[in-house]
Amino acid sequence: MLKPADYLLLAAAFLSFVFSIYLWFSGWREEGLFVGLWVPSILAFGGFMRAALKKV
């Protein structure tokens, strides 16, 4: 079951993905790649926090 914090992290990852696509097709290719690297980082952070809070 997803919690409200999970939805927030998924929304942040999705917005990062959309923003990176926007930058890529606007001609800001390097910036688009940089922002695109945020997506797995956000998702990994969410997974880490979920696992860390499960142990508490």
N, C-alpha and C. Protein backbone atom coordinates (compact mmCIF):
# COMPACT_ATOMS: atom_id res chain seq x y z
N MET A 1 0.83 -1.17 0.00
CA MET A 1 0.00 0.00 0.00
C MET A 1 0.88 1.25 0.00
N LEU A 2 0.56 2.19 -0.85
CA LEU A 2 1.35 3.41 -0.93
C LEU A 2 0.87 4.43 0.09
N LYS A 3 1.82 5.12 0.67
CA LYS A 3 1.53 6.18 1.64
C LYS A 3 1.61 7.53 0.93
N PRO A 4 1.10 8.59 1.54
CA PRO A 4 1.18 9.92 0.91
C PRO A 4 2.61 10.33 0.55
N ALA A 5 3.58 9.96 1.36
CA ALA A 5 4.97 10.31 1.06
C ALA A 5 5.45 9.59 -0.20
N ASP A 6 4.95 8.38 -0.44
CA ASP A 6 5.32 7.65 -1.65
C ASP A 6 4.80 8.37 -2.90
N TYR A 7 3.58 8.89 -2.80
CA TYR A 7 3.02 9.64 -3.92
C TYR A 7 3.82 10.91 -4.19
N LEU A 8 4.29 11.55 -3.13
CA LEU A 8 5.11 12.75 -3.29
C LEU A 8 6.42 12.43 -4.01
N LEU A 9 7.07 11.34 -3.63
CA LEU A 9 8.32 10.94 -4.28
C LEU A 9 8.09 10.54 -5.73
N LEU A 10 7.01 9.82 -6.01
CA LEU A 10 6.71 9.46 -7.39
C LEU A 10 6.40 10.69 -8.23
N ALA A 11 5.71 11.65 -7.66
CA ALA A 11 5.41 12.89 -8.38
C ALA A 11 6.70 13.66 -8.67
N ALA A 12 7.60 13.71 -7.70
CA ALA A 12 8.88 14.41 -7.90
C ALA A 12 9.69 13.74 -9.00
N ALA A 13 9.72 12.41 -9.01
CA ALA A 13 10.46 11.69 -10.04
C ALA A 13 9.82 11.92 -11.42
N PHE A 14 8.50 11.89 -11.47
CA PHE A 14 7.82 12.10 -12.75
C PHE A 14 8.05 13.52 -13.26
N LEU A 15 7.95 14.52 -12.39
CA LEU A 15 8.19 15.90 -12.81
C LEU A 15 9.63 16.10 -13.27
N SER A 16 10.56 15.45 -12.62
CA SER A 16 11.95 15.52 -13.05
C SER A 16 12.13 14.92 -14.44
N PHE A 17 11.45 13.79 -14.67
CA PHE A 17 11.51 13.15 -15.98
C PHE A 17 10.94 14.06 -17.07
N VAL A 18 9.79 14.64 -16.81
CA VAL A 18 9.14 15.53 -17.78
C VAL A 18 10.00 16.76 -18.03
N PHE A 19 10.57 17.33 -16.97
CA PHE A 19 11.43 18.50 -17.13
C PHE A 19 12.68 18.17 -17.93
N SER A 20 13.25 16.99 -17.72
CA SER A 20 14.44 16.61 -18.48
C SER A 20 14.11 16.44 -19.97
N ILE A 21 12.95 15.90 -20.27
CA ILE A 21 12.53 15.77 -21.67
C ILE A 21 12.34 17.15 -22.29
N TYR A 22 11.72 18.05 -21.54
CA TYR A 22 11.54 19.42 -22.02
C TYR A 22 12.88 20.08 -22.32
N LEU A 23 13.83 19.95 -21.41
CA LEU A 23 15.15 20.55 -21.63
C LEU A 23 15.84 19.93 -22.83
N TRP A 24 15.75 18.62 -22.98
CA TRP A 24 16.41 17.93 -24.08
C TRP A 24 15.90 18.45 -25.43
N PHE A 25 14.59 18.52 -25.58
CA PHE A 25 14.02 18.94 -26.85
C PHE A 25 14.01 20.45 -27.05
N SER A 26 14.36 21.20 -26.01
CA SER A 26 14.49 22.65 -26.14
C SER A 26 15.91 23.05 -26.55
N GLY A 27 16.78 22.06 -26.68
CA GLY A 27 18.14 22.35 -27.09
C GLY A 27 19.13 22.39 -25.93
N TRP A 28 18.67 22.26 -24.73
CA TRP A 28 19.53 22.25 -23.55
C TRP A 28 19.85 20.80 -23.22
N ARG A 29 20.60 20.13 -24.09
CA ARG A 29 20.81 18.69 -23.98
C ARG A 29 21.59 18.29 -22.73
N GLU A 30 22.65 18.99 -22.42
CA GLU A 30 23.44 18.62 -21.23
C GLU A 30 22.64 18.81 -19.96
N GLU A 31 21.87 19.90 -19.90
CA GLU A 31 21.04 20.14 -18.72
C GLU A 31 19.93 19.09 -18.62
N GLY A 32 19.41 18.67 -19.77
CA GLY A 32 18.39 17.63 -19.78
C GLY A 32 18.93 16.30 -19.27
N LEU A 33 20.16 15.97 -19.64
CA LEU A 33 20.78 14.75 -19.12
C LEU A 33 21.00 14.84 -17.61
N PHE A 34 21.44 16.01 -17.16
CA PHE A 34 21.68 16.19 -15.74
C PHE A 34 20.39 16.03 -14.93
N VAL A 35 19.33 16.67 -15.38
CA VAL A 35 18.06 16.57 -14.67
C VAL A 35 17.51 15.15 -14.78
N GLY A 36 17.75 14.48 -15.89
CA GLY A 36 17.30 13.11 -16.05
C GLY A 36 17.97 12.16 -15.06
N LEU A 37 19.16 12.51 -14.60
CA LEU A 37 19.84 11.68 -13.60
C LEU A 37 19.19 11.81 -12.22
N TRP A 38 18.36 12.81 -12.03
CA TRP A 38 17.68 12.96 -10.76
C TRP A 38 16.64 11.86 -10.53
N VAL A 39 16.04 11.35 -11.61
CA VAL A 39 14.94 10.39 -11.48
C VAL A 39 15.36 9.15 -10.68
N PRO A 40 16.41 8.43 -11.08
CA PRO A 40 16.77 7.26 -10.27
C PRO A 40 17.25 7.63 -8.87
N SER A 41 17.83 8.81 -8.71
CA SER A 41 18.26 9.25 -7.38
C SER A 41 17.06 9.47 -6.46
N ILE A 42 16.03 10.09 -6.98
CA ILE A 42 14.82 10.34 -6.19
C ILE A 42 14.17 9.01 -5.82
N LEU A 43 14.07 8.10 -6.77
CA LEU A 43 13.45 6.81 -6.50
C LEU A 43 14.28 5.98 -5.52
N ALA A 44 15.60 6.04 -5.64
CA ALA A 44 16.47 5.31 -4.71
C ALA A 44 16.35 5.89 -3.31
N PHE A 45 16.26 7.20 -3.22
CA PHE A 45 16.08 7.83 -1.91
C PHE A 45 14.76 7.39 -1.29
N GLY A 46 13.71 7.34 -2.09
CA GLY A 46 12.42 6.89 -1.58
C GLY A 46 12.46 5.45 -1.11
N GLY A 47 13.12 4.58 -1.85
CA GLY A 47 13.26 3.19 -1.44
C GLY A 47 14.08 3.04 -0.18
N PHE A 48 15.12 3.83 -0.07
CA PHE A 48 15.95 3.79 1.14
C PHE A 48 15.17 4.24 2.36
N MET A 49 14.45 5.34 2.22
CA MET A 49 13.67 5.86 3.34
C MET A 49 12.57 4.89 3.75
N ARG A 50 11.94 4.26 2.77
CA ARG A 50 10.88 3.30 3.07
C ARG A 50 11.45 2.10 3.84
N ALA A 51 12.62 1.62 3.42
CA ALA A 51 13.26 0.50 4.11
C ALA A 51 13.74 0.91 5.50
N ALA A 52 14.27 2.12 5.62
CA ALA A 52 14.78 2.58 6.91
C ALA A 52 13.66 2.79 7.91
N LEU A 53 12.53 3.30 7.44
CA LEU A 53 11.40 3.52 8.34
C LEU A 53 10.69 2.23 8.71
N LYS A 54 10.82 1.22 7.87
CA LYS A 54 10.18 -0.06 8.16
C LYS A 54 10.86 -0.74 9.35
N LYS A 55 12.16 -0.49 9.54
CA LYS A 55 12.90 -1.11 10.63
C LYS A 55 12.62 -0.44 11.96
N VAL A 56 12.14 0.80 11.92
CA VAL A 56 11.91 1.56 13.16
C VAL A 56 10.61 1.16 13.80
